[in-house]
Amino acid sequence: MTSVRYTKDHEYVRVEGDVAVVGISDYAQQQLGDVVFVELPAVGKAVTRGGEAAVVESVKAASEVYAPLSGEVVEVNAELEGAPGLVNEDAEGKGWFMKLKLSNPAELGDLMNEHAYKDFLDTLA
């Protein structure tokens, strides 16, 4: 069973111990096209579930990335500053955006597991 959870806005959360790794799903990066810039939050920033946490810009559009969970940003992926294309290459791996120390781990229960997210994507086709 995977520990990855998804939102309907196409953010993912991968829980690693007491920290959640956050980024956009592979589906989201495909819809955006070539990512040219990522604006990440400051380390130490408190984010609230559903609130804007980052911005991703592609050749097609700029899109907000919403916090899938509430918490404090404890790390950002500095590699994206010089290589935003990592989001296209490996959205759910090397293209992660931020790591959060969760303030309310129970919020994880509101997110979709991988199977439910795939079913949700099928409704968008």
PDB file of N, CA and C in Angstrom:
ATOM      1  N   MET A   1       0.847  -1.190   0.000  1.00  0.00           N
ATOM      2  CA  MET A   1       0.000   0.000   0.000  1.00  0.00           C
ATOM      3  C   MET A   1       0.882   1.239   0.000  1.00  0.00           C
ATOM      4  N   THR A   2       0.578   2.153  -0.883  1.00  0.00           N
ATOM      5  CA  THR A   2       1.362   3.380  -0.988  1.00  0.00           C
ATOM      6  C   THR A   2       0.941   4.387   0.072  1.00  0.00           C
ATOM      7  N   SER A   3       1.865   5.234   0.461  1.00  0.00           N
ATOM      8  CA  SER A   3       1.553   6.265   1.447  1.00  0.00           C
ATOM      9  C   SER A   3       1.331   7.613   0.766  1.00  0.00           C
ATOM     10  N   VAL A   4       1.048   7.586  -0.540  1.00  0.00           N
ATOM     11  CA  VAL A   4       0.799   8.819  -1.276  1.00  0.00           C
ATOM     12  C   VAL A   4      -0.696   9.109  -1.268  1.00  0.00           C
ATOM     13  N   ARG A   5      -1.039  10.374  -1.056  1.00  0.00           N
ATOM     14  CA  ARG A   5      -2.426  10.836  -1.081  1.00  0.00           C
ATOM     15  C   ARG A   5      -2.524  12.003  -2.060  1.00  0.00           C
ATOM     16  N   TYR A   6      -3.722  12.231  -2.593  1.00  0.00           N
ATOM     17  CA  TYR A   6      -3.936  13.244  -3.626  1.00  0.00           C
ATOM     18  C   TYR A   6      -5.137  14.128  -3.303  1.00  0.00           C
ATOM     19  N   THR A   7      -5.110  15.353  -3.869  1.00  0.00           N
ATOM     20  CA  THR A   7      -6.250  16.267  -3.774  1.00  0.00           C
ATOM     21  C   THR A   7      -6.934  16.345  -5.138  1.00  0.00           C
ATOM     22  N   LYS A   8      -8.126  16.895  -5.164  1.00  0.00           N
ATOM     23  CA  LYS A   8      -8.828  17.111  -6.433  1.00  0.00           C
ATOM     24  C   LYS A   8      -8.178  18.232  -7.240  1.00  0.00           C
ATOM     25  N   ASP A   9      -7.297  18.996  -6.621  1.00  0.00           N
ATOM     26  CA  ASP A   9      -6.545  20.039  -7.329  1.00  0.00           C
ATOM     27  C   ASP A   9      -5.220  19.496  -7.866  1.00  0.00           C
ATOM     28  N   HIS A  10      -5.005  18.202  -7.740  1.00  0.00           N
ATOM     29  CA  HIS A  10      -3.854  17.484  -8.303  1.00  0.00           C
ATOM     30  C   HIS A  10      -2.535  17.736  -7.573  1.00  0.00           C
ATOM     31  N   GLU A  11      -2.619  18.021  -6.274  1.00  0.00           N
ATOM     32  CA  GLU A  11      -1.416  18.004  -5.452  1.00  0.00           C
ATOM     33  C   GLU A  11      -1.292  16.617  -4.840  1.00  0.00           C
ATOM     34  N   TYR A  12      -0.057  16.225  -4.571  1.00  0.00           N
ATOM     35  CA  TYR A  12       0.143  14.949  -3.884  1.00  0.00           C
ATOM     36  C   TYR A  12       0.869  15.196  -2.575  1.00  0.00           C
ATOM     37  N   VAL A  13       0.716  14.244  -1.681  1.00  0.00           N
ATOM     38  CA  VAL A  13       1.386  14.244  -0.382  1.00  0.00           C
ATOM     39  C   VAL A  13       1.979  12.859  -0.194  1.00  0.00           C
ATOM     40  N   ARG A  14       3.270  12.803   0.092  1.00  0.00           N
ATOM     41  CA  ARG A  14       3.930  11.531   0.408  1.00  0.00           C
ATOM     42  C   ARG A  14       4.469  11.675   1.825  1.00  0.00           C
ATOM     43  N   VAL A  15       3.941  10.901   2.732  1.00  0.00           N
ATOM     44  CA  VAL A  15       4.326  11.012   4.139  1.00  0.00           C
ATOM     45  C   VAL A  15       5.597  10.218   4.382  1.00  0.00           C
ATOM     46  N   GLU A  16       6.582  10.893   4.959  1.00  0.00           N
ATOM     47  CA  GLU A  16       7.863  10.277   5.322  1.00  0.00           C
ATOM     48  C   GLU A  16       8.118  10.593   6.785  1.00  0.00           C
ATOM     49  N   GLY A  17       7.739   9.681   7.646  1.00  0.00           N
ATOM     50  CA  GLY A  17       7.878   9.929   9.078  1.00  0.00           C
ATOM     51  C   GLY A  17       6.862  10.971   9.522  1.00  0.00           C
ATOM     52  N   ASP A  18       7.336  12.065  10.146  1.00  0.00           N
ATOM     53  CA  ASP A  18       6.414  13.110  10.587  1.00  0.00           C
ATOM     54  C   ASP A  18       6.414  14.299   9.620  1.00  0.00           C
ATOM     55  N   VAL A  19       6.937  14.080   8.413  1.00  0.00           N
ATOM     56  CA  VAL A  19       7.005  15.139   7.405  1.00  0.00           C
ATOM     57  C   VAL A  19       6.261  14.687   6.156  1.00  0.00           C
ATOM     58  N   ALA A  20       5.566  15.616   5.527  1.00  0.00           N
ATOM     59  CA  ALA A  20       4.858  15.328   4.280  1.00  0.00           C
ATOM     60  C   ALA A  20       5.553  16.037   3.125  1.00  0.00           C
ATOM     61  N   VAL A  21       5.905  15.273   2.092  1.00  0.00           N
ATOM     62  CA  VAL A  21       6.486  15.827   0.873  1.00  0.00           C
ATOM     63  C   VAL A  21       5.317  16.192  -0.041  1.00  0.00           C
ATOM     64  N   VAL A  22       5.328  17.432  -0.558  1.00  0.00           N
ATOM     65  CA  VAL A  22       4.209  17.942  -1.350  1.00  0.00           C
ATOM     66  C   VAL A  22       4.685  18.366  -2.730  1.00  0.00           C
ATOM     67  N   GLY A  23       3.877  18.081  -3.728  1.00  0.00           N
ATOM     68  CA  GLY A  23       4.154  18.532  -5.086  1.00  0.00           C
ATOM     69  C   GLY A  23       2.897  18.410  -5.916  1.00  0.00           C
ATOM     70  N   ILE A  24       3.054  18.527  -7.243  1.00  0.00           N
ATOM     71  CA  ILE A  24       1.903  18.336  -8.119  1.00  0.00           C
ATOM     72  C   ILE A  24       1.994  16.953  -8.753  1.00  0.00           C
ATOM     73  N   SER A  25       0.850  16.409  -9.085  1.00  0.00           N
ATOM     74  CA  SER A  25       0.810  15.060  -9.633  1.00  0.00           C
ATOM     75  C   SER A  25       1.352  15.019 -11.059  1.00  0.00           C
ATOM     76  N   ASP A  26       1.639  13.820 -11.497  1.00  0.00           N
ATOM     77  CA  ASP A  26       2.087  13.627 -12.866  1.00  0.00           C
ATOM     78  C   ASP A  26       1.023  14.118 -13.843  1.00  0.00           C
ATOM     79  N   TYR A  27      -0.244  13.877 -13.524  1.00  0.00           N
ATOM     80  CA  TYR A  27      -1.331  14.362 -14.366  1.00  0.00           C
ATOM     81  C   TYR A  27      -1.277  15.884 -14.490  1.00  0.00           C
ATOM     82  N   ALA A  28      -1.060  16.576 -13.368  1.00  0.00           N
ATOM     83  CA  ALA A  28      -1.028  18.043 -13.375  1.00  0.00           C
ATOM     84  C   ALA A  28       0.109  18.562 -14.245  1.00  0.00           C
ATOM     85  N   GLN A  29       1.294  17.961 -14.145  1.00  0.00           N
ATOM     86  CA  GLN A  29       2.405  18.460 -14.954  1.00  0.00           C
ATOM     87  C   GLN A  29       2.147  18.216 -16.435  1.00  0.00           C
ATOM     88  N   GLN A  30       1.465  17.119 -16.763  1.00  0.00           N
ATOM     89  CA  GLN A  30       1.123  16.862 -18.167  1.00  0.00           C
ATOM     90  C   GLN A  30       0.172  17.925 -18.694  1.00  0.00           C
ATOM     91  N   GLN A  31      -0.776  18.337 -17.861  1.00  0.00           N
ATOM     92  CA  GLN A  31      -1.745  19.350 -18.273  1.00  0.00           C
ATOM     93  C   GLN A  31      -1.084  20.725 -18.430  1.00  0.00           C
ATOM     94  N   LEU A  32      -0.090  21.001 -17.599  1.00  0.00           N
ATOM     95  CA  LEU A  32       0.591  22.300 -17.650  1.00  0.00           C
ATOM     96  C   LEU A  32       1.506  22.432 -18.862  1.00  0.00           C
ATOM     97  N   GLY A  33       2.116  21.349 -19.261  1.00  0.00           N
ATOM     98  CA  GLY A  33       3.141  21.431 -20.303  1.00  0.00           C
ATOM     99  C   GLY A  33       4.488  21.761 -19.673  1.00  0.00           C
ATOM    100  N   ASP A  34       5.392  22.314 -20.466  1.00  0.00           N
ATOM    101  CA  ASP A  34       6.757  22.566 -19.989  1.00  0.00           C
ATOM    102  C   ASP A  34       6.783  23.597 -18.869  1.00  0.00           C
ATOM    103  N   VAL A  35       7.217  23.171 -17.680  1.00  0.00           N
ATOM    104  CA  VAL A  35       7.313  24.065 -16.528  1.00  0.00           C
ATOM    105  C   VAL A  35       8.569  24.922 -16.677  1.00  0.00           C
ATOM    106  N   VAL A  36       8.385  26.244 -16.556  1.00  0.00           N
ATOM    107  CA  VAL A  36       9.504  27.174 -16.746  1.00  0.00           C
ATOM    108  C   VAL A  36       9.896  27.913 -15.461  1.00  0.00           C
ATOM    109  N   PHE A  37       9.030  27.874 -14.434  1.00  0.00           N
ATOM    110  CA  PHE A  37       9.332  28.582 -13.193  1.00  0.00           C
ATOM    111  C   PHE A  37       8.471  28.022 -12.078  1.00  0.00           C
ATOM    112  N   VAL A  38       9.060  27.920 -10.893  1.00  0.00           N
ATOM    113  CA  VAL A  38       8.317  27.502  -9.702  1.00  0.00           C
ATOM    114  C   VAL A  38       8.635  28.488  -8.588  1.00  0.00           C
ATOM    115  N   GLU A  39       7.594  29.066  -8.002  1.00  0.00           N
ATOM    116  CA  GLU A  39       7.753  29.963  -6.854  1.00  0.00           C
ATOM    117  C   GLU A  39       7.375  29.182  -5.608  1.00  0.00           C
ATOM    118  N   LEU A  40       8.356  28.986  -4.744  1.00  0.00           N
ATOM    119  CA  LEU A  40       8.162  28.169  -3.548  1.00  0.00           C
ATOM    120  C   LEU A  40       7.975  29.050  -2.321  1.00  0.00           C
ATOM    121  N   PRO A  41       7.305  28.536  -1.298  1.00  0.00           N
ATOM    122  CA  PRO A  41       7.130  29.311  -0.066  1.00  0.00           C
ATOM    123  C   PRO A  41       8.438  29.383   0.719  1.00  0.00           C
ATOM    124  N   ALA A  42       8.485  30.309   1.642  1.00  0.00           N
ATOM    125  CA  ALA A  42       9.652  30.440   2.513  1.00  0.00           C
ATOM    126  C   ALA A  42       9.640  29.336   3.562  1.00  0.00           C
ATOM    127  N   VAL A  43      10.817  28.831   3.896  1.00  0.00           N
ATOM    128  CA  VAL A  43      10.930  27.884   4.999  1.00  0.00           C
ATOM    129  C   VAL A  43      10.469  28.597   6.264  1.00  0.00           C
ATOM    130  N   GLY A  44       9.659  27.915   7.043  1.00  0.00           N
ATOM    131  CA  GLY A  44       9.112  28.500   8.264  1.00  0.00           C
ATOM    132  C   GLY A  44       7.700  29.033   8.089  1.00  0.00           C
ATOM    133  N   LYS A  45       7.246  29.164   6.832  1.00  0.00           N
ATOM    134  CA  LYS A  45       5.899  29.661   6.577  1.00  0.00           C
ATOM    135  C   LYS A  45       4.874  28.632   7.024  1.00  0.00           C
ATOM    136  N   ALA A  46       3.829  29.112   7.666  1.00  0.00           N
ATOM    137  CA  ALA A  46       2.710  28.248   8.034  1.00  0.00           C
ATOM    138  C   ALA A  46       1.715  28.264   6.885  1.00  0.00           C
ATOM    139  N   VAL A  47       1.305  27.086   6.458  1.00  0.00           N
ATOM    140  CA  VAL A  47       0.304  26.981   5.396  1.00  0.00           C
ATOM    141  C   VAL A  47      -0.934  26.292   5.952  1.00  0.00           C
ATOM    142  N   THR A  48      -2.071  26.649   5.386  1.00  0.00           N
ATOM    143  CA  THR A  48      -3.346  26.083   5.806  1.00  0.00           C
ATOM    144  C   THR A  48      -3.914  25.269   4.666  1.00  0.00           C
ATOM    145  N   ARG A  49      -4.456  24.125   4.986  1.00  0.00           N
ATOM    146  CA  ARG A  49      -5.048  23.261   3.959  1.00  0.00           C
ATOM    147  C   ARG A  49      -5.981  24.080   3.076  1.00  0.00           C
ATOM    148  N   GLY A  50      -5.752  23.986   1.765  1.00  0.00           N
ATOM    149  CA  GLY A  50      -6.575  24.699   0.799  1.00  0.00           C
ATOM    150  C   GLY A  50      -6.073  26.086   0.460  1.00  0.00           C
ATOM    151  N   GLY A  51      -5.105  26.585   1.227  1.00  0.00           N
ATOM    152  CA  GLY A  51      -4.546  27.906   0.955  1.00  0.00           C
ATOM    153  C   GLY A  51      -3.410  27.830  -0.054  1.00  0.00           C
ATOM    154  N   GLU A  52      -3.146  28.956  -0.712  1.00  0.00           N
ATOM    155  CA  GLU A  52      -2.074  28.981  -1.701  1.00  0.00           C
ATOM    156  C   GLU A  52      -0.728  28.757  -1.022  1.00  0.00           C
ATOM    157  N   ALA A  53       0.063  27.850  -1.592  1.00  0.00           N
ATOM    158  CA  ALA A  53       1.361  27.523  -0.999  1.00  0.00           C
ATOM    159  C   ALA A  53       2.514  27.788  -1.961  1.00  0.00           C
ATOM    160  N   ALA A  54       2.258  27.711  -3.268  1.00  0.00           N
ATOM    161  CA  ALA A  54       3.316  27.899  -4.261  1.00  0.00           C
ATOM    162  C   ALA A  54       2.659  28.278  -5.583  1.00  0.00           C
ATOM    163  N   VAL A  55       3.502  28.629  -6.552  1.00  0.00           N
ATOM    164  CA  VAL A  55       3.013  28.935  -7.903  1.00  0.00           C
ATOM    165  C   VAL A  55       3.904  28.182  -8.878  1.00  0.00           C
ATOM    166  N   VAL A  56       3.282  27.601  -9.894  1.00  0.00           N
ATOM    167  CA  VAL A  56       4.041  26.927 -10.942  1.00  0.00           C
ATOM    168  C   VAL A  56       3.649  27.580 -12.268  1.00  0.00           C
ATOM    169  N   GLU A  57       4.666  27.952 -13.054  1.00  0.00           N
ATOM    170  CA  GLU A  57       4.417  28.573 -14.350  1.00  0.00           C
ATOM    171  C   GLU A  57       4.938  27.662 -15.446  1.00  0.00           C
ATOM    172  N   SER A  58       4.116  27.540 -16.486  1.00  0.00           N
ATOM    173  CA  SER A  58       4.505  26.739 -17.641  1.00  0.00           C
ATOM    174  C   SER A  58       4.385  27.603 -18.887  1.00  0.00           C
ATOM    175  N   VAL A  59       4.706  27.016 -20.016  1.00  0.00           N
ATOM    176  CA  VAL A  59       4.556  27.746 -21.268  1.00  0.00           C
ATOM    177  C   VAL A  59       3.084  28.037 -21.547  1.00  0.00           C
ATOM    178  N   LYS A  60       2.173  27.306 -20.913  1.00  0.00           N
ATOM    179  CA  LYS A  60       0.736  27.494 -21.127  1.00  0.00           C
ATOM    180  C   LYS A  60       0.104  28.477 -20.146  1.00  0.00           C
ATOM    181  N   ALA A  61       0.495  28.399 -18.866  1.00  0.00           N
ATOM    182  CA  ALA A  61      -0.219  29.157 -17.834  1.00  0.00           C
ATOM    183  C   ALA A  61       0.555  29.178 -16.528  1.00  0.00           C
ATOM    184  N   ALA A  62       0.112  30.065 -15.637  1.00  0.00           N
ATOM    185  CA  ALA A  62       0.596  30.061 -14.253  1.00  0.00           C
ATOM    186  C   ALA A  62      -0.529  29.499 -13.395  1.00  0.00           C
ATOM    187  N   SER A  63      -0.184  28.636 -12.462  1.00  0.00           N
ATOM    188  CA  SER A  63      -1.188  28.003 -11.615  1.00  0.00           C
ATOM    189  C   SER A  63      -0.752  28.027 -10.160  1.00  0.00           C
ATOM    190  N   GLU A  64      -1.726  28.240  -9.291  1.00  0.00           N
ATOM    191  CA  GLU A  64      -1.451  28.160  -7.867  1.00  0.00           C
ATOM    192  C   GLU A  64      -1.356  26.693  -7.469  1.00  0.00           C
ATOM    193  N   VAL A  65      -0.519  26.450  -6.494  1.00  0.00           N
ATOM    194  CA  VAL A  65      -0.424  25.135  -5.871  1.00  0.00           C
ATOM    195  C   VAL A  65      -0.940  25.320  -4.450  1.00  0.00           C
ATOM    196  N   TYR A  66      -1.982  24.572  -4.115  1.00  0.00           N
ATOM    197  CA  TYR A  66      -2.612  24.718  -2.809  1.00  0.00           C
ATOM    198  C   TYR A  66      -2.043  23.718  -1.821  1.00  0.00           C
ATOM    199  N   ALA A  67      -1.983  24.133  -0.575  1.00  0.00           N
ATOM    200  CA  ALA A  67      -1.502  23.236   0.479  1.00  0.00           C
ATOM    201  C   ALA A  67      -2.536  22.137   0.688  1.00  0.00           C
ATOM    202  N   PRO A  68      -2.149  20.880   0.496  1.00  0.00           N
ATOM    203  CA  PRO A  68      -3.097  19.789   0.706  1.00  0.00           C
ATOM    204  C   PRO A  68      -3.352  19.519   2.186  1.00  0.00           C
ATOM    205  N   LEU A  69      -2.451  19.996   3.031  1.00  0.00           N
ATOM    206  CA  LEU A  69      -2.543  19.807   4.471  1.00  0.00           C
ATOM    207  C   LEU A  69      -2.023  21.054   5.177  1.00  0.00           C
ATOM    208  N   SER A  70      -2.423  21.228   6.405  1.00  0.00           N
ATOM    209  CA  SER A  70      -1.921  22.345   7.202  1.00  0.00           C
ATOM    210  C   SER A  70      -0.602  21.966   7.855  1.00  0.00           C
ATOM    211  N   GLY A  71       0.299  22.946   7.939  1.00  0.00           N
ATOM    212  CA  GLY A  71       1.566  22.681   8.598  1.00  0.00           C
ATOM    213  C   GLY A  71       2.565  23.795   8.367  1.00  0.00           C
ATOM    214  N   GLU A  72       3.798  23.510   8.752  1.00  0.00           N
ATOM    215  CA  GLU A  72       4.893  24.468   8.601  1.00  0.00           C
ATOM    216  C   GLU A  72       5.866  23.956   7.546  1.00  0.00           C
ATOM    217  N   VAL A  73       6.236  24.851   6.639  1.00  0.00           N
ATOM    218  CA  VAL A  73       7.208  24.490   5.615  1.00  0.00           C
ATOM    219  C   VAL A  73       8.566  24.325   6.292  1.00  0.00           C
ATOM    220  N   VAL A  74       9.135  23.120   6.224  1.00  0.00           N
ATOM    221  CA  VAL A  74      10.421  22.859   6.865  1.00  0.00           C
ATOM    222  C   VAL A  74      11.557  22.742   5.845  1.00  0.00           C
ATOM    223  N   GLU A  75      11.193  22.578   4.555  1.00  0.00           N
ATOM    224  CA  GLU A  75      12.198  22.494   3.502  1.00  0.00           C
ATOM    225  C   GLU A  75      11.518  22.759   2.172  1.00  0.00           C
ATOM    226  N   VAL A  76      12.260  23.374   1.241  1.00  0.00           N
ATOM    227  CA  VAL A  76      11.773  23.522  -0.131  1.00  0.00           C
ATOM    228  C   VAL A  76      12.801  22.899  -1.070  1.00  0.00           C
ATOM    229  N   ASN A  77      12.361  22.545  -2.255  1.00  0.00           N
ATOM    230  CA  ASN A  77      13.234  21.912  -3.236  1.00  0.00           C
ATOM    231  C   ASN A  77      13.973  22.997  -4.010  1.00  0.00           C
ATOM    232  N   ALA A  78      15.134  23.393  -3.498  1.00  0.00           N
ATOM    233  CA  ALA A  78      15.915  24.465  -4.108  1.00  0.00           C
ATOM    234  C   ALA A  78      16.370  24.125  -5.522  1.00  0.00           C
ATOM    235  N   GLU A  79      16.438  22.840  -5.855  1.00  0.00           N
ATOM    236  CA  GLU A  79      16.839  22.445  -7.211  1.00  0.00           C
ATOM    237  C   GLU A  79      15.882  22.979  -8.265  1.00  0.00           C
ATOM    238  N   LEU A  80      14.624  23.209  -7.904  1.00  0.00           N
ATOM    239  CA  LEU A  80      13.638  23.686  -8.870  1.00  0.00           C
ATOM    240  C   LEU A  80      13.935  25.106  -9.336  1.00  0.00           C
ATOM    241  N   GLU A  81      14.653  25.870  -8.515  1.00  0.00           N
ATOM    242  CA  GLU A  81      14.984  27.247  -8.903  1.00  0.00           C
ATOM    243  C   GLU A  81      15.787  27.276 -10.200  1.00  0.00           C
ATOM    244  N   GLY A  82      16.769  26.407 -10.302  1.00  0.00           N
ATOM    245  CA  GLY A  82      17.600  26.365 -11.492  1.00  0.00           C
ATOM    246  C   GLY A  82      17.163  25.341 -12.514  1.00  0.00           C
ATOM    247  N   ALA A  83      16.294  24.425 -12.108  1.00  0.00           N
ATOM    248  CA  ALA A  83      15.869  23.349 -13.005  1.00  0.00           C
ATOM    249  C   ALA A  83      14.382  23.055 -12.814  1.00  0.00           C
ATOM    250  N   PRO A  84      13.502  24.016 -13.184  1.00  0.00           N
ATOM    251  CA  PRO A  84      12.065  23.782 -12.999  1.00  0.00           C
ATOM    252  C   PRO A  84      11.543  22.611 -13.820  1.00  0.00           C
ATOM    253  N   GLY A  85      12.268  22.219 -14.850  1.00  0.00           N
ATOM    254  CA  GLY A  85      11.868  21.086 -15.676  1.00  0.00           C
ATOM    255  C   GLY A  85      11.849  19.767 -14.930  1.00  0.00           C
ATOM    256  N   LEU A  86      12.453  19.724 -13.726  1.00  0.00           N
ATOM    257  CA  LEU A  86      12.371  18.506 -12.908  1.00  0.00           C
ATOM    258  C   LEU A  86      10.923  18.129 -12.629  1.00  0.00           C
ATOM    259  N   VAL A  87      10.045  19.137 -12.601  1.00  0.00           N
ATOM    260  CA  VAL A  87       8.629  18.864 -12.361  1.00  0.00           C
ATOM    261  C   VAL A  87       8.080  18.012 -13.505  1.00  0.00           C
ATOM    262  N   ASN A  88       8.478  18.330 -14.738  1.00  0.00           N
ATOM    263  CA  ASN A  88       8.022  17.541 -15.889  1.00  0.00           C
ATOM    264  C   ASN A  88       8.682  16.172 -15.929  1.00  0.00           C
ATOM    265  N   GLU A  89       9.943  16.116 -15.562  1.00  0.00           N
ATOM    266  CA  GLU A  89      10.694  14.862 -15.649  1.00  0.00           C
ATOM    267  C   GLU A  89      10.268  13.849 -14.593  1.00  0.00           C
ATOM    268  N   ASP A  90       9.981  14.330 -13.385  1.00  0.00           N
ATOM    269  CA  ASP A  90       9.716  13.412 -12.272  1.00  0.00           C
ATOM    270  C   ASP A  90       8.860  14.127 -11.226  1.00  0.00           C
ATOM    271  N   ALA A  91       7.616  14.458 -11.609  1.00  0.00           N
ATOM    272  CA  ALA A  91       6.745  15.275 -10.756  1.00  0.00           C
ATOM    273  C   ALA A  91       6.591  14.713  -9.350  1.00  0.00           C
ATOM    274  N   GLU A  92       6.441  13.404  -9.251  1.00  0.00           N
ATOM    275  CA  GLU A  92       6.175  12.809  -7.943  1.00  0.00           C
ATOM    276  C   GLU A  92       7.435  12.223  -7.310  1.00  0.00           C
ATOM    277  N   GLY A  93       8.577  12.642  -7.806  1.00  0.00           N
ATOM    278  CA  GLY A  93       9.865  12.220  -7.259  1.00  0.00           C
ATOM    279  C   GLY A  93      10.753  13.440  -7.059  1.00  0.00           C
ATOM    280  N   LYS A  94      11.719  13.627  -7.951  1.00  0.00           N
ATOM    281  CA  LYS A  94      12.669  14.734  -7.824  1.00  0.00           C
ATOM    282  C   LYS A  94      12.030  16.104  -7.994  1.00  0.00           C
ATOM    283  N   GLY A  95      10.805  16.158  -8.532  1.00  0.00           N
ATOM    284  CA  GLY A  95      10.133  17.437  -8.758  1.00  0.00           C
ATOM    285  C   GLY A  95       9.253  17.911  -7.611  1.00  0.00           C
ATOM    286  N   TRP A  96       9.467  17.388  -6.412  1.00  0.00           N
ATOM    287  CA  TRP A  96       8.678  17.814  -5.243  1.00  0.00           C
ATOM    288  C   TRP A  96       8.887  19.300  -4.972  1.00  0.00           C
ATOM    289  N   PHE A  97       7.921  19.925  -4.316  1.00  0.00           N
ATOM    290  CA  PHE A  97       7.969  21.363  -4.058  1.00  0.00           C
ATOM    291  C   PHE A  97       8.438  21.701  -2.647  1.00  0.00           C
ATOM    292  N   MET A  98       7.791  21.097  -1.648  1.00  0.00           N
ATOM    293  CA  MET A  98       8.075  21.471  -0.257  1.00  0.00           C
ATOM    294  C   MET A  98       7.847  20.288   0.668  1.00  0.00           C
ATOM    295  N   LYS A  99       8.409  20.415   1.847  1.00  0.00           N
ATOM    296  CA  LYS A  99       8.151  19.443   2.911  1.00  0.00           C
ATOM    297  C   LYS A  99       7.479  20.184   4.052  1.00  0.00           C
ATOM    298  N   LEU A 100       6.428  19.569   4.578  1.00  0.00           N
ATOM    299  CA  LEU A 100       5.647  20.165   5.654  1.00  0.00           C
ATOM    300  C   LEU A 100       5.724  19.336   6.918  1.00  0.00           C
ATOM    301  N   LYS A 101       5.886  20.018   8.041  1.00  0.00           N
ATOM    302  CA  LYS A 101       5.682  19.386   9.346  1.00  0.00           C
ATOM    303  C   LYS A 101       4.200  19.584   9.639  1.00  0.00           C
ATOM    304  N   LEU A 102       3.463  18.489   9.664  1.00  0.00           N
ATOM    305  CA  LEU A 102       2.010  18.564   9.762  1.00  0.00           C
ATOM    306  C   LEU A 102       1.543  19.077  11.116  1.00  0.00           C
ATOM    307  N   SER A 103       0.574  19.997  11.070  1.00  0.00           N
ATOM    308  CA  SER A 103      -0.011  20.480  12.322  1.00  0.00           C
ATOM    309  C   SER A 103      -1.276  19.698  12.669  1.00  0.00           C
ATOM    310  N   ASN A 104      -1.862  19.020  11.664  1.00  0.00           N
ATOM    311  CA  ASN A 104      -3.063  18.228  11.913  1.00  0.00           C
ATOM    312  C   ASN A 104      -3.029  16.978  11.035  1.00  0.00           C
ATOM    313  N   PRO A 105      -2.285  15.943  11.445  1.00  0.00           N
ATOM    314  CA  PRO A 105      -2.159  14.733  10.629  1.00  0.00           C
ATOM    315  C   PRO A 105      -3.494  14.079  10.276  1.00  0.00           C
ATOM    316  N   ALA A 106      -4.542  14.343  11.032  1.00  0.00           N
ATOM    317  CA  ALA A 106      -5.848  13.758  10.744  1.00  0.00           C
ATOM    318  C   ALA A 106      -6.389  14.221   9.394  1.00  0.00           C
ATOM    319  N   GLU A 107      -5.900  15.366   8.878  1.00  0.00           N
ATOM    320  CA  GLU A 107      -6.340  15.866   7.570  1.00  0.00           C
ATOM    321  C   GLU A 107      -6.001  14.884   6.445  1.00  0.00           C
ATOM    322  N   LEU A 108      -5.005  14.027   6.669  1.00  0.00           N
ATOM    323  CA  LEU A 108      -4.645  13.031   5.654  1.00  0.00           C
ATOM    324  C   LEU A 108      -5.843  12.155   5.273  1.00  0.00           C
ATOM    325  N   GLY A 109      -6.708  11.918   6.222  1.00  0.00           N
ATOM    326  CA  GLY A 109      -7.868  11.074   5.982  1.00  0.00           C
ATOM    327  C   GLY A 109      -8.840  11.651   4.962  1.00  0.00           C
ATOM    328  N   ASP A 110      -8.741  12.954   4.696  1.00  0.00           N
ATOM    329  CA  ASP A 110      -9.627  13.605   3.735  1.00  0.00           C
ATOM    330  C   ASP A 110      -9.113  13.516   2.307  1.00  0.00           C
ATOM    331  N   LEU A 111      -7.886  13.040   2.121  1.00  0.00           N
ATOM    332  CA  LEU A 111      -7.281  12.985   0.790  1.00  0.00           C
ATOM    333  C   LEU A 111      -7.517  11.628   0.145  1.00  0.00           C
ATOM    334  N   MET A 112      -7.423  11.603  -1.184  1.00  0.00           N
ATOM    335  CA  MET A 112      -7.645  10.358  -1.930  1.00  0.00           C
ATOM    336  C   MET A 112      -6.393   9.498  -1.944  1.00  0.00           C
ATOM    337  N   ASN A 113      -6.569   8.182  -1.848  1.00  0.00           N
ATOM    338  CA  ASN A 113      -5.443   7.286  -2.067  1.00  0.00           C
ATOM    339  C   ASN A 113      -5.219   7.172  -3.575  1.00  0.00           C
ATOM    340  N   GLU A 114      -4.201   6.448  -3.974  1.00  0.00           N
ATOM    341  CA  GLU A 114      -3.842   6.362  -5.387  1.00  0.00           C
ATOM    342  C   GLU A 114      -4.986   5.799  -6.235  1.00  0.00           C
ATOM    343  N   HIS A 115      -5.650   4.770  -5.741  1.00  0.00           N
ATOM    344  CA  HIS A 115      -6.751   4.158  -6.484  1.00  0.00           C
ATOM    345  C   HIS A 115      -7.899   5.152  -6.674  1.00  0.00           C
ATOM    346  N   ALA A 116      -8.271   5.839  -5.608  1.00  0.00           N
ATOM    347  CA  ALA A 116      -9.371   6.810  -5.687  1.00  0.00           C
ATOM    348  C   ALA A 116      -9.001   7.965  -6.619  1.00  0.00           C
ATOM    349  N   TYR A 117      -7.740   8.371  -6.608  1.00  0.00           N
ATOM    350  CA  TYR A 117      -7.302   9.461  -7.479  1.00  0.00           C
ATOM    351  C   TYR A 117      -7.383   9.029  -8.947  1.00  0.00           C
ATOM    352  N   LYS A 118      -6.964   7.805  -9.238  1.00  0.00           N
ATOM    353  CA  LYS A 118      -7.068   7.299 -10.622  1.00  0.00           C
ATOM    354  C   LYS A 118      -8.527   7.253 -11.061  1.00  0.00           C
ATOM    355  N   ASP A 119      -9.419   6.840 -10.179  1.00  0.00           N
ATOM    356  CA  ASP A 119     -10.848   6.840 -10.501  1.00  0.00           C
ATOM    357  C   ASP A 119     -11.330   8.271 -10.758  1.00  0.00           C
ATOM    358  N   PHE A 120     -10.859   9.211  -9.953  1.00  0.00           N
ATOM    359  CA  PHE A 120     -11.223  10.621 -10.133  1.00  0.00           C
ATOM    360  C   PHE A 120     -10.739  11.121 -11.494  1.00  0.00           C
ATOM    361  N   LEU A 121      -9.508  10.778 -11.873  1.00  0.00           N
ATOM    362  CA  LEU A 121      -8.980  11.209 -13.174  1.00  0.00           C
ATOM    363  C   LEU A 121      -9.828  10.661 -14.317  1.00  0.00           C
ATOM    364  N   ASP A 122     -10.341   9.456 -14.152  1.00  0.00           N
ATOM    365  CA  ASP A 122     -11.191   8.864 -15.184  1.00  0.00           C
ATOM    366  C   ASP A 122     -12.457   9.694 -15.423  1.00  0.00           C
ATOM    367  N   THR A 123     -12.916  10.408 -14.388  1.00  0.00           N
ATOM    368  CA  THR A 123     -14.117  11.226 -14.542  1.00  0.00           C
ATOM    369  C   THR A 123     -13.811  12.508 -15.314  1.00  0.00           C
ATOM    370  N   LEU A 124     -12.541  12.858 -15.447  1.00  0.00           N
ATOM    371  CA  LEU A 124     -12.157  14.097 -16.130  1.00  0.00           C
ATOM    372  C   LEU A 124     -11.976  13.910 -17.632  1.00  0.00           C
ATOM    373  N   ALA A 125     -11.868  12.662 -18.056  1.00  0.00           N
ATOM    374  CA  ALA A 125     -11.595  12.386 -19.480  1.00  0.00           C
ATOM    375  C   ALA A 125     -12.792  12.657 -20.362  1.00  0.00           C
TER     376      ALA A 125
END
